Amino acid sequence: MTCLFIQIRCKPGTTYEVADNIALREIHSELYSTSGAYDLLLKLYVPDGEDVGKYVNDNLLTIPNIERTFTTQTYRAF
């Protein structure tokens, strides 16, 4: 599995709606509300054999009111 951390900026006033939609899709490991340039921090695992970009596009970026994302992919180093 590939672990991703995705910061999500929502259109103003829609953060709770976006978070609810993410929760309903059950794709996340953890989901947090954050302060700063982004509204939400999502941790998810992409299943082995799945294309990371396609998985994110198909399962997350189809949610309405997501304005911008910043993705960090992790690697097993130890």
C-alpha atoms as a PDB file:
ATOM      1  CA  MET A   1       0.000   0.000   0.000  1.00  0.00           C
ATOM      2  CA  THR A   2       1.105   3.556  -0.692  1.00  0.00           C
ATOM      3  CA  CYS A   3       0.519   6.102   2.077  1.00  0.00           C
ATOM      4  CA  LEU A   4      -0.477   9.626   1.038  1.00  0.00           C
ATOM      5  CA  PHE A   5      -1.033  12.781   3.042  1.00  0.00           C
ATOM      6  CA  ILE A   6      -3.301  15.178   1.173  1.00  0.00           C
ATOM      7  CA  GLN A   7      -3.934  18.748   2.264  1.00  0.00           C
ATOM      8  CA  ILE A   8      -7.267  20.043   0.985  1.00  0.00           C
ATOM      9  CA  ARG A   9      -8.419  23.618   0.480  1.00  0.00           C
ATOM     10  CA  CYS A  10     -12.196  23.915   0.266  1.00  0.00           C
ATOM     11  CA  LYS A  11     -14.353  26.652  -1.193  1.00  0.00           C
ATOM     12  CA  PRO A  12     -15.291  29.049   1.620  1.00  0.00           C
ATOM     13  CA  GLY A  13     -18.043  27.716   3.868  1.00  0.00           C
ATOM     14  CA  THR A  14     -17.905  24.135   2.569  1.00  0.00           C
ATOM     15  CA  THR A  15     -15.289  22.449   4.764  1.00  0.00           C
ATOM     16  CA  TYR A  16     -17.798  20.413   6.784  1.00  0.00           C
ATOM     17  CA  GLU A  17     -19.600  19.336   3.598  1.00  0.00           C
ATOM     18  CA  VAL A  18     -16.330  18.202   1.998  1.00  0.00           C
ATOM     19  CA  ALA A  19     -15.295  16.353   5.181  1.00  0.00           C
ATOM     20  CA  ASP A  20     -18.685  14.597   5.324  1.00  0.00           C
ATOM     21  CA  ASN A  21     -18.322  13.499   1.692  1.00  0.00           C
ATOM     22  CA  ILE A  22     -14.849  12.105   2.363  1.00  0.00           C
ATOM     23  CA  ALA A  23     -16.133  10.226   5.407  1.00  0.00           C
ATOM     24  CA  LEU A  24     -18.998   8.717   3.399  1.00  0.00           C
ATOM     25  CA  ARG A  25     -16.582   7.347   0.796  1.00  0.00           C
ATOM     26  CA  GLU A  26     -14.586   5.542   3.512  1.00  0.00           C
ATOM     27  CA  ILE A  27     -11.274   6.040   1.693  1.00  0.00           C
ATOM     28  CA  HIS A  28      -9.393   7.700   4.529  1.00  0.00           C
ATOM     29  CA  SER A  29      -7.305   6.400   7.361  1.00  0.00           C
ATOM     30  CA  GLU A  30      -7.390   9.733   9.207  1.00  0.00           C
ATOM     31  CA  LEU A  31      -9.009  13.112   8.525  1.00  0.00           C
ATOM     32  CA  TYR A  32      -8.275  16.337  10.395  1.00  0.00           C
ATOM     33  CA  SER A  33      -9.411  19.944  10.282  1.00  0.00           C
ATOM     34  CA  THR A  34      -6.376  22.227  10.091  1.00  0.00           C
ATOM     35  CA  SER A  35      -5.509  25.899  10.266  1.00  0.00           C
ATOM     36  CA  GLY A  36      -3.420  27.733   7.702  1.00  0.00           C
ATOM     37  CA  ALA A  37      -3.459  27.588   3.913  1.00  0.00           C
ATOM     38  CA  TYR A  38      -5.466  24.328   3.801  1.00  0.00           C
ATOM     39  CA  ASP A  39      -8.657  23.313   5.593  1.00  0.00           C
ATOM     40  CA  LEU A  40      -8.308  19.539   5.878  1.00  0.00           C
ATOM     41  CA  LEU A  41      -5.509  17.006   6.192  1.00  0.00           C
ATOM     42  CA  LEU A  42      -6.292  13.536   4.868  1.00  0.00           C
ATOM     43  CA  LYS A  43      -4.231  10.400   5.323  1.00  0.00           C
ATOM     44  CA  LEU A  44      -5.100   7.575   2.978  1.00  0.00           C
ATOM     45  CA  TYR A  45      -3.625   4.351   1.710  1.00  0.00           C
ATOM     46  CA  VAL A  46      -3.750   3.539  -1.991  1.00  0.00           C
ATOM     47  CA  PRO A  47      -4.159  -0.230  -2.463  1.00  0.00           C
ATOM     48  CA  ASP A  48      -1.300  -2.169  -4.057  1.00  0.00           C
ATOM     49  CA  GLY A  49      -1.574  -2.298  -7.817  1.00  0.00           C
ATOM     50  CA  GLU A  50      -3.634   0.897  -8.068  1.00  0.00           C
ATOM     51  CA  ASP A  51      -2.334   3.919  -9.978  1.00  0.00           C
ATOM     52  CA  VAL A  52      -1.887   6.647  -7.341  1.00  0.00           C
ATOM     53  CA  GLY A  53      -2.967   9.554  -9.547  1.00  0.00           C
ATOM     54  CA  LYS A  54      -6.016   7.767 -10.908  1.00  0.00           C
ATOM     55  CA  TYR A  55      -7.037   6.600  -7.429  1.00  0.00           C
ATOM     56  CA  VAL A  56      -6.907  10.143  -6.056  1.00  0.00           C
ATOM     57  CA  ASN A  57      -8.698  11.576  -9.097  1.00  0.00           C
ATOM     58  CA  ASP A  58     -11.459   8.969  -9.056  1.00  0.00           C
ATOM     59  CA  ASN A  59     -12.023   8.745  -5.300  1.00  0.00           C
ATOM     60  CA  LEU A  60     -11.269  12.205  -3.917  1.00  0.00           C
ATOM     61  CA  LEU A  61     -11.184  14.906  -6.558  1.00  0.00           C
ATOM     62  CA  THR A  62     -14.730  14.176  -7.722  1.00  0.00           C
ATOM     63  CA  ILE A  63     -16.021  15.610  -4.419  1.00  0.00           C
ATOM     64  CA  PRO A  64     -17.618  19.018  -4.997  1.00  0.00           C
ATOM     65  CA  ASN A  65     -16.125  22.173  -3.445  1.00  0.00           C
ATOM     66  CA  ILE A  66     -12.517  21.019  -3.300  1.00  0.00           C
ATOM     67  CA  GLU A  67     -10.602  24.046  -4.521  1.00  0.00           C
ATOM     68  CA  ARG A  68      -7.005  22.818  -4.306  1.00  0.00           C
ATOM     69  CA  THR A  69      -4.947  19.934  -2.953  1.00  0.00           C
ATOM     70  CA  PHE A  70      -1.320  19.335  -2.010  1.00  0.00           C
ATOM     71  CA  THR A  71      -0.253  15.685  -1.921  1.00  0.00           C
ATOM     72  CA  THR A  72       2.765  14.186  -0.183  1.00  0.00           C
ATOM     73  CA  GLN A  73       3.578  10.577  -1.026  1.00  0.00           C
ATOM     74  CA  THR A  74       5.487   8.571   1.570  1.00  0.00           C
ATOM     75  CA  TYR A  75       8.053   5.809   1.100  1.00  0.00           C
ATOM     76  CA  ARG A  76       9.099   3.084   3.451  1.00  0.00           C
ATOM     77  CA  ALA A  77      12.649   4.073   4.383  1.00  0.00           C
ATOM     78  CA  PHE A  78      13.322   1.879   7.401  1.00  0.00           C
END
